[in-house]
Amino acid sequence: MNKTDKIYIAGHRGMVGSAIVRKLTTDGFSNLIFKTSTELNLTNQQAVNDFFTTEQPEYVFLAAAKVGGILANNVYRADFIYQNIMIESNIIHAAHINKASKLLFLGSSCIYPKMATQPLKEEYLLTNTLEETNEPYAIAKIAGIKMCEAYRAQYNCNFISAMPTNLYGPNDNYDLKSSHVLPALIRKFHTAKENGNNSVELWGTGSPMREFLHVDDLAEACVFLMENYNEKQFVNIGTGTDITIKELALTIKKIVGFTGDLTFDTSKPDGTPRKLMDVSKIHQLGWKHKINLNEGIEKVYNKVKHIDFQTTTR
């Protein structure tokens, strides 16, 4: 990418998209384009086609998606599969029709089978059944991967895909009904501390293991892949290390300064037992994460601890 090339970031106000915008801006890219969801409905094919016809972006980062944690994925199943498939289909097809030089599609680690061998290698895709609670979202993301592969095969489009692990960082979602586990725990412990509560309750047993990547590291990886990777196979992006939800909770508890107890509601689902990425491929390409988990959570908490979580979710 040249510094003046027109680059479209779909989902620029979300956690991932905004991190990509920050990275590109820091690196000196000066011709970035984006639209808010009120300005451009990405589920509307005609609107997306008109946007691409007018703007003619050279490069596309497809970071727009409907996302959420285990509760949101399980409750809003139709919304998750419909909106994500529509967004992906519209943007990928419009990028092809308007001859974009390259597109990067961002998926999710939930695309892998529930009981896949750990760590998760790229070739494990579609080798077994998915986790039931987020199956619609996972199927939508798999569809995006396969669309990129299909447009590459039929039309020789340079469309690539990357699969990030669990993310956290600036512009995260702290709504307890739709957030992922790490921001939800930050909010729970902060609120409990502020209210003088004696305990914080967690869903499940605390035993599932999860990997967490700071979104600024992901943005750096996305720009790296856009500039250096041109193959069919999607690429995992992560740290290659994981911890239990209980260990994560204890880490956040310490950083927040909450002194009460942890309790576990074992009637609630745990989700997939473990989701650790095999990141050897991207390491071989020359990229590795820089922000360790403790440092990352401290940075995040220092920025959000003054937020009134009752009036804002981001």
C-alpha atoms as a PDB file:
ATOM      1  CA  MET A   1       0.000   0.000   0.000  1.00  0.00           C
ATOM      2  CA  ASN A   2       1.175   3.501  -0.852  1.00  0.00           C
ATOM      3  CA  LYS A   3       0.551   6.244   1.709  1.00  0.00           C
ATOM      4  CA  THR A   4      -1.934   8.003  -0.609  1.00  0.00           C
ATOM      5  CA  ASP A   5      -3.869   4.907  -1.747  1.00  0.00           C
ATOM      6  CA  LYS A   6      -7.584   5.059  -0.966  1.00  0.00           C
ATOM      7  CA  ILE A   7      -8.284   2.650   1.896  1.00  0.00           C
ATOM      8  CA  TYR A   8     -11.771   1.763   3.125  1.00  0.00           C
ATOM      9  CA  ILE A   9     -12.162   0.582   6.714  1.00  0.00           C
ATOM     10  CA  ALA A  10     -15.590  -1.031   7.179  1.00  0.00           C
ATOM     11  CA  GLY A  11     -16.600  -0.835  10.835  1.00  0.00           C
ATOM     12  CA  HIS A  12     -14.263   2.068  11.644  1.00  0.00           C
ATOM     13  CA  ARG A  13     -16.032   2.967  14.908  1.00  0.00           C
ATOM     14  CA  GLY A  14     -15.861  -0.535  16.376  1.00  0.00           C
ATOM     15  CA  MET A  15     -13.021  -1.799  18.518  1.00  0.00           C
ATOM     16  CA  VAL A  16     -11.170  -3.479  15.630  1.00  0.00           C
ATOM     17  CA  GLY A  17     -11.911  -0.913  12.942  1.00  0.00           C
ATOM     18  CA  SER A  18     -10.921   2.040  15.107  1.00  0.00           C
ATOM     19  CA  ALA A  19      -7.647   0.304  15.995  1.00  0.00           C
ATOM     20  CA  ILE A  20      -6.902  -0.210  12.289  1.00  0.00           C
ATOM     21  CA  VAL A  21      -7.645   3.481  11.654  1.00  0.00           C
ATOM     22  CA  ARG A  22      -5.241   4.453  14.465  1.00  0.00           C
ATOM     23  CA  LYS A  23      -2.510   2.200  13.074  1.00  0.00           C
ATOM     24  CA  LEU A  24      -2.896   3.420   9.482  1.00  0.00           C
ATOM     25  CA  THR A  25      -2.960   7.051  10.599  1.00  0.00           C
ATOM     26  CA  THR A  26       0.145   6.557  12.747  1.00  0.00           C
ATOM     27  CA  ASP A  27       1.899   4.936   9.782  1.00  0.00           C
ATOM     28  CA  GLY A  28       1.159   7.957   7.584  1.00  0.00           C
ATOM     29  CA  PHE A  29      -1.668   6.673   5.378  1.00  0.00           C
ATOM     30  CA  SER A  30      -3.604   9.790   4.439  1.00  0.00           C
ATOM     31  CA  ASN A  31      -6.504   8.682   2.221  1.00  0.00           C
ATOM     32  CA  LEU A  32      -8.752   6.724   4.578  1.00  0.00           C
ATOM     33  CA  ILE A  33     -12.477   6.498   3.914  1.00  0.00           C
ATOM     34  CA  PHE A  34     -15.313   5.258   6.105  1.00  0.00           C
ATOM     35  CA  LYS A  35     -18.982   5.760   6.808  1.00  0.00           C
ATOM     36  CA  THR A  36     -21.015   5.413   9.967  1.00  0.00           C
ATOM     37  CA  SER A  37     -23.845   2.873  10.061  1.00  0.00           C
ATOM     38  CA  THR A  38     -26.383   5.678   9.760  1.00  0.00           C
ATOM     39  CA  GLU A  39     -24.613   7.005   6.662  1.00  0.00           C
ATOM     40  CA  LEU A  40     -24.199   3.576   5.053  1.00  0.00           C
ATOM     41  CA  ASN A  41     -26.227   0.472   5.900  1.00  0.00           C
ATOM     42  CA  LEU A  42     -23.853  -2.358   5.096  1.00  0.00           C
ATOM     43  CA  THR A  43     -26.705  -4.888   4.998  1.00  0.00           C
ATOM     44  CA  ASN A  44     -28.203  -2.944   2.048  1.00  0.00           C
ATOM     45  CA  GLN A  45     -26.667  -4.269  -1.155  1.00  0.00           C
ATOM     46  CA  GLN A  46     -27.606  -1.294  -3.326  1.00  0.00           C
ATOM     47  CA  ALA A  47     -26.237   1.186  -0.810  1.00  0.00           C
ATOM     48  CA  VAL A  48     -22.931  -0.693  -0.586  1.00  0.00           C
ATOM     49  CA  ASN A  49     -22.684  -0.970  -4.391  1.00  0.00           C
ATOM     50  CA  ASP A  50     -23.314   2.760  -4.780  1.00  0.00           C
ATOM     51  CA  PHE A  51     -20.674   3.561  -2.159  1.00  0.00           C
ATOM     52  CA  PHE A  52     -18.028   1.419  -3.882  1.00  0.00           C
ATOM     53  CA  THR A  53     -18.916   2.796  -7.324  1.00  0.00           C
ATOM     54  CA  THR A  54     -18.497   6.356  -6.044  1.00  0.00           C
ATOM     55  CA  GLU A  55     -15.430   5.907  -3.824  1.00  0.00           C
ATOM     56  CA  GLN A  56     -13.490   3.194  -5.720  1.00  0.00           C
ATOM     57  CA  PRO A  57     -11.326   2.100  -2.747  1.00  0.00           C
ATOM     58  CA  GLU A  58      -8.035   0.444  -3.610  1.00  0.00           C
ATOM     59  CA  TYR A  59      -7.766  -1.510  -0.345  1.00  0.00           C
ATOM     60  CA  VAL A  60     -10.524  -2.772   1.971  1.00  0.00           C
ATOM     61  CA  PHE A  61     -10.330  -3.802   5.629  1.00  0.00           C
ATOM     62  CA  LEU A  62     -13.572  -5.679   6.378  1.00  0.00           C
ATOM     63  CA  ALA A  63     -13.829  -5.227  10.139  1.00  0.00           C
ATOM     64  CA  ALA A  64     -17.571  -4.495  10.276  1.00  0.00           C
ATOM     65  CA  ALA A  65     -19.634  -7.147  12.046  1.00  0.00           C
ATOM     66  CA  LYS A  66     -22.370  -7.737  14.570  1.00  0.00           C
ATOM     67  CA  VAL A  67     -20.499  -9.082  17.581  1.00  0.00           C
ATOM     68  CA  GLY A  68     -21.208 -10.082  21.164  1.00  0.00           C
ATOM     69  CA  GLY A  69     -20.471 -12.510  23.968  1.00  0.00           C
ATOM     70  CA  ILE A  70     -21.955 -15.898  24.763  1.00  0.00           C
ATOM     71  CA  LEU A  71     -25.309 -14.480  25.919  1.00  0.00           C
ATOM     72  CA  ALA A  72     -25.859 -12.242  22.881  1.00  0.00           C
ATOM     73  CA  ASN A  73     -24.745 -14.946  20.443  1.00  0.00           C
ATOM     74  CA  ASN A  74     -27.170 -17.440  21.919  1.00  0.00           C
ATOM     75  CA  VAL A  75     -30.181 -15.111  22.228  1.00  0.00           C
ATOM     76  CA  TYR A  76     -29.931 -13.137  18.974  1.00  0.00           C
ATOM     77  CA  ARG A  77     -29.088 -16.076  16.728  1.00  0.00           C
ATOM     78  CA  ALA A  78     -31.024 -14.877  13.662  1.00  0.00           C
ATOM     79  CA  ASP A  79     -29.601 -11.351  13.919  1.00  0.00           C
ATOM     80  CA  PHE A  80     -26.040 -12.664  14.123  1.00  0.00           C
ATOM     81  CA  ILE A  81     -26.219 -14.918  11.071  1.00  0.00           C
ATOM     82  CA  TYR A  82     -28.304 -12.565   8.907  1.00  0.00           C
ATOM     83  CA  GLN A  83     -26.469  -9.303   9.547  1.00  0.00           C
ATOM     84  CA  ASN A  84     -22.978 -10.782   9.301  1.00  0.00           C
ATOM     85  CA  ILE A  85     -23.660 -12.704   6.107  1.00  0.00           C
ATOM     86  CA  MET A  86     -25.235  -9.645   4.498  1.00  0.00           C
ATOM     87  CA  ILE A  87     -22.350  -7.348   5.464  1.00  0.00           C
ATOM     88  CA  GLU A  88     -19.730  -9.779   4.180  1.00  0.00           C
ATOM     89  CA  SER A  89     -21.536 -10.629   0.963  1.00  0.00           C
ATOM     90  CA  ASN A  90     -22.217  -7.022   0.041  1.00  0.00           C
ATOM     91  CA  ILE A  91     -18.695  -5.741   0.697  1.00  0.00           C
ATOM     92  CA  ILE A  92     -16.809  -8.682  -0.811  1.00  0.00           C
ATOM     93  CA  HIS A  93     -18.913  -8.652  -3.976  1.00  0.00           C
ATOM     94  CA  ALA A  94     -18.710  -4.864  -4.333  1.00  0.00           C
ATOM     95  CA  ALA A  95     -14.924  -4.988  -3.886  1.00  0.00           C
ATOM     96  CA  HIS A  96     -14.762  -7.507  -6.724  1.00  0.00           C
ATOM     97  CA  ILE A  97     -17.102  -5.589  -9.055  1.00  0.00           C
ATOM     98  CA  ASN A  98     -15.163  -2.369  -8.494  1.00  0.00           C
ATOM     99  CA  LYS A  99     -11.765  -4.042  -8.866  1.00  0.00           C
ATOM    100  CA  ALA A 100     -10.303  -3.332  -5.439  1.00  0.00           C
ATOM    101  CA  SER A 101      -6.644  -4.353  -5.389  1.00  0.00           C
ATOM    102  CA  LYS A 102      -6.935  -6.221  -2.094  1.00  0.00           C
ATOM    103  CA  LEU A 103      -9.363  -7.022   0.700  1.00  0.00           C
ATOM    104  CA  LEU A 104      -8.731  -8.337   4.209  1.00  0.00           C
ATOM    105  CA  PHE A 105     -11.649 -10.103   5.874  1.00  0.00           C
ATOM    106  CA  LEU A 106     -11.623 -10.512   9.651  1.00  0.00           C
ATOM    107  CA  GLY A 107     -13.199 -13.636  11.099  1.00  0.00           C
ATOM    108  CA  SER A 108     -13.192 -15.087  14.604  1.00  0.00           C
ATOM    109  CA  SER A 109     -11.684 -17.997  16.514  1.00  0.00           C
ATOM    110  CA  CYS A 110     -15.212 -19.383  17.027  1.00  0.00           C
ATOM    111  CA  ILE A 111     -15.083 -20.758  13.463  1.00  0.00           C
ATOM    112  CA  TYR A 112     -13.225 -23.788  14.775  1.00  0.00           C
ATOM    113  CA  PRO A 113     -14.923 -27.002  15.939  1.00  0.00           C
ATOM    114  CA  LYS A 114     -15.887 -27.063  19.610  1.00  0.00           C
ATOM    115  CA  MET A 115     -13.721 -30.040  20.465  1.00  0.00           C
ATOM    116  CA  ALA A 116     -10.851 -29.413  18.045  1.00  0.00           C
ATOM    117  CA  THR A 117      -7.334 -30.417  19.043  1.00  0.00           C
ATOM    118  CA  GLN A 118      -5.428 -27.578  20.742  1.00  0.00           C
ATOM    119  CA  PRO A 119      -3.798 -25.340  19.666  1.00  0.00           C
ATOM    120  CA  LEU A 120      -6.100 -24.529  16.746  1.00  0.00           C
ATOM    121  CA  LYS A 121      -4.382 -24.865  13.383  1.00  0.00           C
ATOM    122  CA  GLU A 122      -5.835 -23.188  10.298  1.00  0.00           C
ATOM    123  CA  GLU A 123      -6.439 -26.553   8.637  1.00  0.00           C
ATOM    124  CA  TYR A 124      -8.869 -27.627  11.395  1.00  0.00           C
ATOM    125  CA  LEU A 125     -11.666 -25.544   9.856  1.00  0.00           C
ATOM    126  CA  LEU A 126     -14.810 -27.609   9.088  1.00  0.00           C
ATOM    127  CA  THR A 127     -13.418 -30.828  10.554  1.00  0.00           C
ATOM    128  CA  ASN A 128     -16.147 -31.230  13.217  1.00  0.00           C
ATOM    129  CA  THR A 129     -19.221 -29.601  14.789  1.00  0.00           C
ATOM    130  CA  LEU A 130     -19.254 -26.038  16.124  1.00  0.00           C
ATOM    131  CA  GLU A 131     -20.028 -24.725  19.606  1.00  0.00           C
ATOM    132  CA  GLU A 132     -23.834 -24.545  19.766  1.00  0.00           C
ATOM    133  CA  THR A 133     -24.140 -21.199  21.553  1.00  0.00           C
ATOM    134  CA  ASN A 134     -22.405 -19.224  18.797  1.00  0.00           C
ATOM    135  CA  GLU A 135     -22.997 -21.472  15.789  1.00  0.00           C
ATOM    136  CA  PRO A 136     -24.912 -18.864  13.707  1.00  0.00           C
ATOM    137  CA  TYR A 137     -22.133 -16.293  14.105  1.00  0.00           C
ATOM    138  CA  ALA A 138     -19.463 -18.901  13.372  1.00  0.00           C
ATOM    139  CA  ILE A 139     -21.260 -20.050  10.217  1.00  0.00           C
ATOM    140  CA  ALA A 140     -21.482 -16.450   9.025  1.00  0.00           C
ATOM    141  CA  LYS A 141     -17.753 -15.965   9.555  1.00  0.00           C
ATOM    142  CA  ILE A 142     -16.967 -19.254   7.787  1.00  0.00           C
ATOM    143  CA  ALA A 143     -19.080 -18.013   4.885  1.00  0.00           C
ATOM    144  CA  GLY A 144     -16.893 -14.902   4.695  1.00  0.00           C
ATOM    145  CA  ILE A 145     -13.730 -16.997   4.556  1.00  0.00           C
ATOM    146  CA  LYS A 146     -15.174 -19.192   1.843  1.00  0.00           C
ATOM    147  CA  MET A 147     -16.371 -16.167  -0.144  1.00  0.00           C
ATOM    148  CA  CYS A 148     -12.833 -14.778  -0.182  1.00  0.00           C
ATOM    149  CA  GLU A 149     -11.524 -18.165  -1.319  1.00  0.00           C
ATOM    150  CA  ALA A 150     -14.218 -18.472  -3.994  1.00  0.00           C
ATOM    151  CA  TYR A 151     -13.652 -14.987  -5.430  1.00  0.00           C
ATOM    152  CA  ARG A 152      -9.929 -15.690  -5.484  1.00  0.00           C
ATOM    153  CA  ALA A 153     -10.503 -18.994  -7.322  1.00  0.00           C
ATOM    154  CA  GLN A 154     -13.054 -17.738  -9.850  1.00  0.00           C
ATOM    155  CA  TYR A 155     -12.016 -14.117 -10.381  1.00  0.00           C
ATOM    156  CA  ASN A 156      -8.388 -14.073  -9.185  1.00  0.00           C
ATOM    157  CA  CYS A 157      -9.233 -11.504  -6.501  1.00  0.00           C
ATOM    158  CA  ASN A 158      -6.521 -10.877  -3.928  1.00  0.00           C
ATOM    159  CA  PHE A 159      -8.903 -11.359  -1.006  1.00  0.00           C
ATOM    160  CA  ILE A 160      -7.350 -12.703   2.204  1.00  0.00           C
ATOM    161  CA  SER A 161      -8.752 -13.632   5.631  1.00  0.00           C
ATOM    162  CA  ALA A 162      -7.420 -13.408   9.170  1.00  0.00           C
ATOM    163  CA  MET A 163      -8.805 -15.081  12.295  1.00  0.00           C
ATOM    164  CA  PRO A 164      -8.136 -13.129  15.496  1.00  0.00           C
ATOM    165  CA  THR A 165      -8.414 -14.665  18.924  1.00  0.00           C
ATOM    166  CA  ASN A 166     -10.438 -13.018  21.731  1.00  0.00           C
ATOM    167  CA  LEU A 167      -9.814  -9.272  21.663  1.00  0.00           C
ATOM    168  CA  TYR A 168      -9.857  -6.421  24.163  1.00  0.00           C
ATOM    169  CA  GLY A 169      -8.801  -2.785  24.180  1.00  0.00           C
ATOM    170  CA  PRO A 170     -10.019   0.762  23.456  1.00  0.00           C
ATOM    171  CA  ASN A 171     -13.641   1.088  22.274  1.00  0.00           C
ATOM    172  CA  ASP A 172     -14.602  -2.277  23.745  1.00  0.00           C
ATOM    173  CA  ASN A 173     -18.215  -3.050  24.671  1.00  0.00           C
ATOM    174  CA  TYR A 174     -19.033  -3.046  28.405  1.00  0.00           C
ATOM    175  CA  ASP A 175     -22.741  -3.841  28.163  1.00  0.00           C
ATOM    176  CA  LEU A 176     -23.217  -6.939  30.323  1.00  0.00           C
ATOM    177  CA  LYS A 177     -25.903  -8.280  27.964  1.00  0.00           C
ATOM    178  CA  SER A 178     -23.715  -8.258  24.867  1.00  0.00           C
ATOM    179  CA  SER A 179     -20.062  -7.927  25.889  1.00  0.00           C
ATOM    180  CA  HIS A 180     -17.259 -10.468  25.827  1.00  0.00           C
ATOM    181  CA  VAL A 181     -15.826 -11.911  29.018  1.00  0.00           C
ATOM    182  CA  LEU A 182     -12.854  -9.600  29.611  1.00  0.00           C
ATOM    183  CA  PRO A 183     -14.678  -6.234  29.424  1.00  0.00           C
ATOM    184  CA  ALA A 184     -17.626  -7.758  31.290  1.00  0.00           C
ATOM    185  CA  LEU A 185     -15.301  -8.726  34.148  1.00  0.00           C
ATOM    186  CA  ILE A 186     -13.725  -5.267  34.200  1.00  0.00           C
ATOM    187  CA  ARG A 187     -17.169  -3.735  34.567  1.00  0.00           C
ATOM    188  CA  LYS A 188     -18.301  -6.268  37.183  1.00  0.00           C
ATOM    189  CA  PHE A 189     -15.234  -5.825  39.391  1.00  0.00           C
ATOM    190  CA  HIS A 190     -15.183  -2.048  39.005  1.00  0.00           C
ATOM    191  CA  THR A 191     -18.890  -1.755  39.841  1.00  0.00           C
ATOM    192  CA  ALA A 192     -18.522  -4.111  42.816  1.00  0.00           C
ATOM    193  CA  LYS A 193     -15.586  -2.071  44.101  1.00  0.00           C
ATOM    194  CA  GLU A 194     -17.471   1.216  43.695  1.00  0.00           C
ATOM    195  CA  ASN A 195     -20.560  -0.186  45.406  1.00  0.00           C
ATOM    196  CA  GLY A 196     -18.673  -1.877  48.224  1.00  0.00           C
ATOM    197  CA  ASN A 197     -20.008  -5.337  47.317  1.00  0.00           C
ATOM    198  CA  ASN A 198     -18.673  -8.445  49.039  1.00  0.00           C
ATOM    199  CA  SER A 199     -18.522 -10.693  45.966  1.00  0.00           C
ATOM    200  CA  VAL A 200     -18.632 -10.893  42.160  1.00  0.00           C
ATOM    201  CA  GLU A 201     -20.437 -13.728  40.388  1.00  0.00           C
ATOM    202  CA  LEU A 202     -19.071 -15.337  37.221  1.00  0.00           C
ATOM    203  CA  TRP A 203     -20.888 -17.500  34.715  1.00  0.00           C
ATOM    204  CA  GLY A 204     -19.925 -21.170  34.527  1.00  0.00           C
ATOM    205  CA  THR A 205     -17.164 -22.972  36.346  1.00  0.00           C
ATOM    206  CA  GLY A 206     -14.242 -20.674  35.557  1.00  0.00           C
ATOM    207  CA  SER A 207     -12.347 -23.602  34.021  1.00  0.00           C
ATOM    208  CA  PRO A 208     -12.556 -22.800  30.263  1.00  0.00           C
ATOM    209  CA  MET A 209      -9.300 -21.481  28.857  1.00  0.00           C
ATOM    210  CA  ARG A 210      -9.122 -18.415  26.647  1.00  0.00           C
ATOM    211  CA  GLU A 211      -6.476 -16.480  24.755  1.00  0.00           C
ATOM    212  CA  PHE A 212      -6.589 -12.667  24.686  1.00  0.00           C
ATOM    213  CA  LEU A 213      -4.990 -10.235  22.240  1.00  0.00           C
ATOM    214  CA  HIS A 214      -4.871  -6.457  22.582  1.00  0.00           C
ATOM    215  CA  VAL A 215      -6.656  -4.873  19.639  1.00  0.00           C
ATOM    216  CA  ASP A 216      -3.686  -2.609  18.858  1.00  0.00           C
ATOM    217  CA  ASP A 217      -1.614  -5.742  18.275  1.00  0.00           C
ATOM    218  CA  LEU A 218      -4.353  -7.052  15.980  1.00  0.00           C
ATOM    219  CA  ALA A 219      -4.368  -3.803  13.988  1.00  0.00           C
ATOM    220  CA  GLU A 220      -0.623  -4.056  13.505  1.00  0.00           C
ATOM    221  CA  ALA A 221      -1.027  -7.653  12.319  1.00  0.00           C
ATOM    222  CA  CYS A 222      -3.792  -6.655   9.867  1.00  0.00           C
ATOM    223  CA  VAL A 223      -1.665  -3.955   8.255  1.00  0.00           C
ATOM    224  CA  PHE A 224       1.263  -6.393   8.177  1.00  0.00           C
ATOM    225  CA  LEU A 225      -0.827  -9.003   6.345  1.00  0.00           C
ATOM    226  CA  MET A 226      -2.275  -6.453   3.935  1.00  0.00           C
ATOM    227  CA  GLU A 227       1.251  -5.453   2.956  1.00  0.00           C
ATOM    228  CA  ASN A 228       2.941  -8.855   3.050  1.00  0.00           C
ATOM    229  CA  TYR A 229       0.500 -11.754   2.571  1.00  0.00           C
ATOM    230  CA  ASN A 230      -1.290 -12.806  -0.615  1.00  0.00           C
ATOM    231  CA  GLU A 231      -2.307 -16.449  -0.182  1.00  0.00           C
ATOM    232  CA  LYS A 232      -5.594 -18.372  -0.114  1.00  0.00           C
ATOM    233  CA  GLN A 233      -5.171 -19.848   3.384  1.00  0.00           C
ATOM    234  CA  PHE A 234      -6.518 -17.671   6.184  1.00  0.00           C
ATOM    235  CA  VAL A 235      -4.124 -16.773   8.989  1.00  0.00           C
ATOM    236  CA  ASN A 236      -4.603 -17.041  12.764  1.00  0.00           C
ATOM    237  CA  ILE A 237      -3.734 -13.954  14.815  1.00  0.00           C
ATOM    238  CA  GLY A 238      -3.132 -14.371  18.534  1.00  0.00           C
ATOM    239  CA  THR A 239      -0.574 -14.650  21.292  1.00  0.00           C
ATOM    240  CA  GLY A 240      -0.228 -18.437  21.408  1.00  0.00           C
ATOM    241  CA  THR A 241      -0.852 -18.493  25.185  1.00  0.00           C
ATOM    242  CA  ASP A 242      -4.054 -18.797  27.223  1.00  0.00           C
ATOM    243  CA  ILE A 243      -5.378 -18.711  30.788  1.00  0.00           C
ATOM    244  CA  THR A 244      -8.493 -19.982  32.554  1.00  0.00           C
ATOM    245  CA  ILE A 245     -11.453 -17.657  33.035  1.00  0.00           C
ATOM    246  CA  LYS A 246     -10.848 -17.931  36.782  1.00  0.00           C
ATOM    247  CA  GLU A 247      -7.216 -16.827  36.338  1.00  0.00           C
ATOM    248  CA  LEU A 248      -8.401 -13.954  34.145  1.00  0.00           C
ATOM    249  CA  ALA A 249     -10.904 -12.930  36.803  1.00  0.00           C
ATOM    250  CA  LEU A 250      -8.255 -12.972  39.525  1.00  0.00           C
ATOM    251  CA  THR A 251      -5.946 -10.881  37.322  1.00  0.00           C
ATOM    252  CA  ILE A 252      -8.651  -8.270  36.685  1.00  0.00           C
ATOM    253  CA  LYS A 253      -9.710  -8.338  40.343  1.00  0.00           C
ATOM    254  CA  LYS A 254      -6.160  -7.429  41.373  1.00  0.00           C
ATOM    255  CA  ILE A 255      -5.766  -4.680  38.741  1.00  0.00           C
ATOM    256  CA  VAL A 256      -9.140  -3.134  39.637  1.00  0.00           C
ATOM    257  CA  GLY A 257      -8.412  -3.390  43.351  1.00  0.00           C
ATOM    258  CA  PHE A 258     -11.520  -5.350  44.353  1.00  0.00           C
ATOM    259  CA  THR A 259     -11.028  -7.169  47.664  1.00  0.00           C
ATOM    260  CA  GLY A 260     -14.179  -9.310  47.824  1.00  0.00           C
ATOM    261  CA  ASP A 261     -14.812 -12.919  46.836  1.00  0.00           C
ATOM    262  CA  LEU A 262     -15.423 -14.726  43.553  1.00  0.00           C
ATOM    263  CA  THR A 263     -18.477 -16.959  43.132  1.00  0.00           C
ATOM    264  CA  PHE A 264     -19.460 -19.136  40.182  1.00  0.00           C
ATOM    265  CA  ASP A 265     -22.940 -19.781  38.793  1.00  0.00           C
ATOM    266  CA  THR A 266     -22.401 -23.294  37.438  1.00  0.00           C
ATOM    267  CA  SER A 267     -25.943 -23.418  36.023  1.00  0.00           C
ATOM    268  CA  LYS A 268     -24.740 -21.055  33.275  1.00  0.00           C
ATOM    269  CA  PRO A 269     -22.869 -22.383  30.197  1.00  0.00           C
ATOM    270  CA  ASP A 270     -19.088 -22.469  29.960  1.00  0.00           C
ATOM    271  CA  GLY A 271     -18.955 -22.435  26.164  1.00  0.00           C
ATOM    272  CA  THR A 272     -16.047 -24.058  24.350  1.00  0.00           C
ATOM    273  CA  PRO A 273     -13.606 -25.665  26.841  1.00  0.00           C
ATOM    274  CA  ARG A 274     -10.537 -24.159  25.185  1.00  0.00           C
ATOM    275  CA  LYS A 275      -9.734 -21.930  22.223  1.00  0.00           C
ATOM    276  CA  LEU A 276      -5.984 -21.485  21.815  1.00  0.00           C
ATOM    277  CA  MET A 277      -4.696 -20.354  18.436  1.00  0.00           C
ATOM    278  CA  ASP A 278      -1.739 -21.946  16.709  1.00  0.00           C
ATOM    279  CA  VAL A 279       0.056 -18.782  15.585  1.00  0.00           C
ATOM    280  CA  SER A 280       3.131 -20.432  14.072  1.00  0.00           C
ATOM    281  CA  LYS A 281       2.086 -19.379  10.557  1.00  0.00           C
ATOM    282  CA  ILE A 282       2.008 -15.636  11.269  1.00  0.00           C
ATOM    283  CA  HIS A 283       5.173 -15.955  13.358  1.00  0.00           C
ATOM    284  CA  GLN A 284       6.895 -17.514  10.352  1.00  0.00           C
ATOM    285  CA  LEU A 285       5.683 -14.624   8.222  1.00  0.00           C
ATOM    286  CA  GLY A 286       7.448 -12.232  10.603  1.00  0.00           C
ATOM    287  CA  TRP A 287       4.809 -10.849  12.980  1.00  0.00           C
ATOM    288  CA  LYS A 288       4.439 -11.348  16.739  1.00  0.00           C
ATOM    289  CA  HIS A 289       2.327  -9.592  19.384  1.00  0.00           C
ATOM    290  CA  LYS A 290       3.953  -7.000  21.673  1.00  0.00           C
ATOM    291  CA  ILE A 291       1.482  -6.233  24.500  1.00  0.00           C
ATOM    292  CA  ASN A 292       1.306  -8.773  27.343  1.00  0.00           C
ATOM    293  CA  LEU A 293      -2.018  -9.406  29.057  1.00  0.00           C
ATOM    294  CA  ASN A 294      -1.333  -7.715  32.405  1.00  0.00           C
ATOM    295  CA  GLU A 295       0.041  -4.613  30.719  1.00  0.00           C
ATOM    296  CA  GLY A 296      -2.875  -4.535  28.289  1.00  0.00           C
ATOM    297  CA  ILE A 297      -5.569  -4.861  30.970  1.00  0.00           C
ATOM    298  CA  GLU A 298      -3.904  -2.151  33.077  1.00  0.00           C
ATOM    299  CA  LYS A 299      -3.894   0.209  30.058  1.00  0.00           C
ATOM    300  CA  VAL A 300      -7.544  -0.506  29.365  1.00  0.00           C
ATOM    301  CA  TYR A 301      -8.664  -0.110  32.983  1.00  0.00           C
ATOM    302  CA  ASN A 302      -6.777   3.154  33.444  1.00  0.00           C
ATOM    303  CA  LYS A 303      -8.739   4.566  30.504  1.00  0.00           C
ATOM    304  CA  VAL A 304     -12.187   3.270  31.442  1.00  0.00           C
ATOM    305  CA  LYS A 305     -12.227   3.358  35.245  1.00  0.00           C
ATOM    306  CA  HIS A 306     -13.771   6.846  35.232  1.00  0.00           C
ATOM    307  CA  ILE A 307     -16.607   5.751  32.915  1.00  0.00           C
ATOM    308  CA  ASP A 308     -20.124   5.704  34.329  1.00  0.00           C
ATOM    309  CA  PHE A 309     -21.010   2.173  33.212  1.00  0.00           C
ATOM    310  CA  GLN A 310     -24.659   2.838  33.927  1.00  0.00           C
ATOM    311  CA  THR A 311     -24.920   5.442  31.156  1.00  0.00           C
ATOM    312  CA  THR A 312     -22.460   4.177  28.556  1.00  0.00           C
ATOM    313  CA  THR A 313     -21.394   0.795  27.220  1.00  0.00           C
ATOM    314  CA  ARG A 314     -18.256   1.898  25.387  1.00  0.00           C
END
